[in-house]
Amino acid sequence: MPSMGELAAPVMPSVQAKLAEITGPFNVVAKVTSEPEHADDVAKLIKDVAVLANSDEEEGTLTYRISRGVKESSNTFIVYEEYNAPAALTAHLHSTPFQALSNYPHLLHAEMDIYSEF
């Protein structure tokens, strides 16, 4: 099973290209789907990412909110993120908790959409 890092690798160049065009605050909507039997493990990993993202250690992260699907969609997670500048997202992606999540082997799908505030 590929890790999220491997799943996300094809989209990362487009993410970097989008970030190159952003000069101010922006939002990210990420969707992560795990194997159903590993959803609780993924929930813990995402919560670990959120703890750091919502702390003073990630100064450029303005908002980091997690939602989890219900019933048959409980293995799908939506993360709404808000950053003050592209460097903040770059720092977030290199954090230890995010790396633990991105290397978790039981993820089925990961995608990230970026929206510039105006």
C-alpha atoms as a PDB file:
ATOM      1  CA  MET A   1       0.000   0.000   0.000  1.00  0.00           C
ATOM      2  CA  PRO A   2       1.514   3.392  -0.933  1.00  0.00           C
ATOM      3  CA  SER A   3       2.069   6.050   1.714  1.00  0.00           C
ATOM      4  CA  MET A   4       0.392   9.466   1.526  1.00  0.00           C
ATOM      5  CA  GLY A   5       3.756  10.867   0.507  1.00  0.00           C
ATOM      6  CA  GLU A   6       3.737   8.533  -2.482  1.00  0.00           C
ATOM      7  CA  LEU A   7       0.057   9.247  -3.177  1.00  0.00           C
ATOM      8  CA  ALA A   8       0.645  12.995  -3.007  1.00  0.00           C
ATOM      9  CA  ALA A   9       3.913  13.019  -4.961  1.00  0.00           C
ATOM     10  CA  PRO A  10       2.224  13.514  -8.355  1.00  0.00           C
ATOM     11  CA  VAL A  11       0.252  16.533  -7.092  1.00  0.00           C
ATOM     12  CA  MET A  12       3.090  18.202  -5.197  1.00  0.00           C
ATOM     13  CA  PRO A  13       4.574  19.973  -8.262  1.00  0.00           C
ATOM     14  CA  SER A  14       1.158  21.518  -8.969  1.00  0.00           C
ATOM     15  CA  VAL A  15       0.874  22.536  -5.298  1.00  0.00           C
ATOM     16  CA  GLN A  16       4.281  24.203  -5.481  1.00  0.00           C
ATOM     17  CA  ALA A  17       3.293  25.955  -8.713  1.00  0.00           C
ATOM     18  CA  LYS A  18       0.094  27.256  -7.087  1.00  0.00           C
ATOM     19  CA  LEU A  19       2.001  28.425  -4.006  1.00  0.00           C
ATOM     20  CA  ALA A  20       4.401  30.358  -6.234  1.00  0.00           C
ATOM     21  CA  GLU A  21       1.459  32.529  -7.338  1.00  0.00           C
ATOM     22  CA  ILE A  22       0.219  33.302  -3.816  1.00  0.00           C
ATOM     23  CA  THR A  23       1.409  36.388  -1.976  1.00  0.00           C
ATOM     24  CA  GLY A  24      -0.949  36.548   0.997  1.00  0.00           C
ATOM     25  CA  PRO A  25      -3.326  34.454   3.057  1.00  0.00           C
ATOM     26  CA  PHE A  26      -4.748  31.302   1.503  1.00  0.00           C
ATOM     27  CA  ASN A  27      -6.773  28.216   2.354  1.00  0.00           C
ATOM     28  CA  VAL A  28      -6.206  24.523   1.826  1.00  0.00           C
ATOM     29  CA  VAL A  29      -8.861  21.835   1.698  1.00  0.00           C
ATOM     30  CA  ALA A  30      -7.314  18.395   2.042  1.00  0.00           C
ATOM     31  CA  LYS A  31      -9.082  15.060   1.745  1.00  0.00           C
ATOM     32  CA  VAL A  32      -7.536  11.873   3.105  1.00  0.00           C
ATOM     33  CA  THR A  33      -9.050   8.396   2.824  1.00  0.00           C
ATOM     34  CA  SER A  34      -7.673   5.393   4.682  1.00  0.00           C
ATOM     35  CA  GLU A  35      -8.333   1.700   4.617  1.00  0.00           C
ATOM     36  CA  PRO A  36     -11.512   1.361   6.725  1.00  0.00           C
ATOM     37  CA  GLU A  37      -9.896  -0.859   9.353  1.00  0.00           C
ATOM     38  CA  HIS A  38      -7.164   1.755   9.947  1.00  0.00           C
ATOM     39  CA  ALA A  39      -9.378   4.861  10.176  1.00  0.00           C
ATOM     40  CA  ASP A  40      -8.959   5.237  13.949  1.00  0.00           C
ATOM     41  CA  ASP A  41      -5.169   5.172  13.563  1.00  0.00           C
ATOM     42  CA  VAL A  42      -5.374   7.862  10.882  1.00  0.00           C
ATOM     43  CA  ALA A  43      -7.670   9.924  13.109  1.00  0.00           C
ATOM     44  CA  LYS A  44      -5.010   9.877  15.835  1.00  0.00           C
ATOM     45  CA  LEU A  45      -2.264  10.842  13.380  1.00  0.00           C
ATOM     46  CA  ILE A  46      -4.329  13.739  12.011  1.00  0.00           C
ATOM     47  CA  LYS A  47      -5.117  14.893  15.557  1.00  0.00           C
ATOM     48  CA  ASP A  48      -1.370  14.927  16.271  1.00  0.00           C
ATOM     49  CA  VAL A  49      -0.874  17.133  13.205  1.00  0.00           C
ATOM     50  CA  ALA A  50      -3.677  19.420  14.406  1.00  0.00           C
ATOM     51  CA  VAL A  51      -2.186  19.808  17.886  1.00  0.00           C
ATOM     52  CA  LEU A  52       1.029  21.167  16.390  1.00  0.00           C
ATOM     53  CA  ALA A  53      -0.743  23.209  13.710  1.00  0.00           C
ATOM     54  CA  ASN A  54      -2.952  24.902  16.303  1.00  0.00           C
ATOM     55  CA  SER A  55      -0.046  25.630  18.644  1.00  0.00           C
ATOM     56  CA  ASP A  56       2.248  28.649  18.720  1.00  0.00           C
ATOM     57  CA  GLU A  57       4.952  26.477  17.118  1.00  0.00           C
ATOM     58  CA  GLU A  58       3.318  26.881  13.681  1.00  0.00           C
ATOM     59  CA  GLU A  59       3.024  30.656  13.677  1.00  0.00           C
ATOM     60  CA  GLY A  60       1.807  30.950  10.104  1.00  0.00           C
ATOM     61  CA  THR A  61      -1.019  28.446  10.514  1.00  0.00           C
ATOM     62  CA  LEU A  62      -4.151  30.467  11.228  1.00  0.00           C
ATOM     63  CA  THR A  63      -6.741  27.668  11.187  1.00  0.00           C
ATOM     64  CA  TYR A  64      -6.528  23.871  11.157  1.00  0.00           C
ATOM     65  CA  ARG A  65      -9.836  22.040  11.438  1.00  0.00           C
ATOM     66  CA  ILE A  66     -10.545  18.328  10.981  1.00  0.00           C
ATOM     67  CA  SER A  67     -13.794  16.640   9.979  1.00  0.00           C
ATOM     68  CA  ARG A  68     -14.439  12.918   9.735  1.00  0.00           C
ATOM     69  CA  GLY A  69     -17.070  11.209   7.635  1.00  0.00           C
ATOM     70  CA  VAL A  70     -19.844   9.283   9.340  1.00  0.00           C
ATOM     71  CA  LYS A  71     -20.946   5.666   9.039  1.00  0.00           C
ATOM     72  CA  GLU A  72     -19.650   4.142   5.783  1.00  0.00           C
ATOM     73  CA  SER A  73     -17.515   7.261   5.169  1.00  0.00           C
ATOM     74  CA  SER A  74     -15.791   7.190   8.573  1.00  0.00           C
ATOM     75  CA  ASN A  75     -12.469   6.446   6.883  1.00  0.00           C
ATOM     76  CA  THR A  76     -12.554   9.795   5.041  1.00  0.00           C
ATOM     77  CA  PHE A  77     -11.176  12.966   6.617  1.00  0.00           C
ATOM     78  CA  ILE A  78     -11.483  16.554   5.437  1.00  0.00           C
ATOM     79  CA  VAL A  79      -9.014  19.113   6.758  1.00  0.00           C
ATOM     80  CA  TYR A  80      -9.632  22.838   6.369  1.00  0.00           C
ATOM     81  CA  GLU A  81      -6.447  24.871   6.737  1.00  0.00           C
ATOM     82  CA  GLU A  82      -5.685  28.582   6.601  1.00  0.00           C
ATOM     83  CA  TYR A  83      -2.170  30.018   6.282  1.00  0.00           C
ATOM     84  CA  ASN A  84      -0.785  33.543   6.237  1.00  0.00           C
ATOM     85  CA  ALA A  85       1.846  32.798   3.561  1.00  0.00           C
ATOM     86  CA  PRO A  86       3.190  29.906   1.450  1.00  0.00           C
ATOM     87  CA  ALA A  87       6.209  29.431   3.742  1.00  0.00           C
ATOM     88  CA  ALA A  88       3.831  28.468   6.555  1.00  0.00           C
ATOM     89  CA  LEU A  89       2.407  25.560   4.544  1.00  0.00           C
ATOM     90  CA  THR A  90       5.899  24.459   3.560  1.00  0.00           C
ATOM     91  CA  ALA A  91       6.915  24.380   7.236  1.00  0.00           C
ATOM     92  CA  HIS A  92       3.725  22.477   8.086  1.00  0.00           C
ATOM     93  CA  LEU A  93       4.406  19.837   5.422  1.00  0.00           C
ATOM     94  CA  HIS A  94       7.882  19.249   6.868  1.00  0.00           C
ATOM     95  CA  SER A  95       6.720  18.903  10.495  1.00  0.00           C
ATOM     96  CA  THR A  96       7.296  15.617  12.312  1.00  0.00           C
ATOM     97  CA  PRO A  97       3.575  14.875  12.864  1.00  0.00           C
ATOM     98  CA  PHE A  98       2.724  15.569   9.217  1.00  0.00           C
ATOM     99  CA  GLN A  99       5.574  13.337   8.066  1.00  0.00           C
ATOM    100  CA  ALA A 100       4.282  10.535  10.330  1.00  0.00           C
ATOM    101  CA  LEU A 101       0.849  10.877   8.719  1.00  0.00           C
ATOM    102  CA  SER A 102       2.175  11.129   5.176  1.00  0.00           C
ATOM    103  CA  ASN A 103       4.273   7.982   5.610  1.00  0.00           C
ATOM    104  CA  TYR A 104       1.465   5.908   7.159  1.00  0.00           C
ATOM    105  CA  PRO A 105       1.111   2.866   4.879  1.00  0.00           C
ATOM    106  CA  HIS A 106      -2.681   2.385   5.093  1.00  0.00           C
ATOM    107  CA  LEU A 107      -3.850   5.479   3.215  1.00  0.00           C
ATOM    108  CA  LEU A 108      -5.840   4.976   0.031  1.00  0.00           C
ATOM    109  CA  HIS A 109      -6.105   8.518  -1.285  1.00  0.00           C
ATOM    110  CA  ALA A 110      -4.884  12.019  -0.522  1.00  0.00           C
ATOM    111  CA  GLU A 111      -5.584  15.280  -2.314  1.00  0.00           C
ATOM    112  CA  MET A 112      -5.007  18.940  -1.585  1.00  0.00           C
ATOM    113  CA  ASP A 113      -6.716  21.965  -3.124  1.00  0.00           C
ATOM    114  CA  ILE A 114      -5.434  25.513  -2.594  1.00  0.00           C
ATOM    115  CA  TYR A 115      -7.571  28.658  -2.633  1.00  0.00           C
ATOM    116  CA  SER A 116      -6.244  32.219  -2.500  1.00  0.00           C
ATOM    117  CA  GLU A 117      -8.137  34.636  -0.274  1.00  0.00           C
ATOM    118  CA  PHE A 118      -9.334  37.868  -1.839  1.00  0.00           C
END
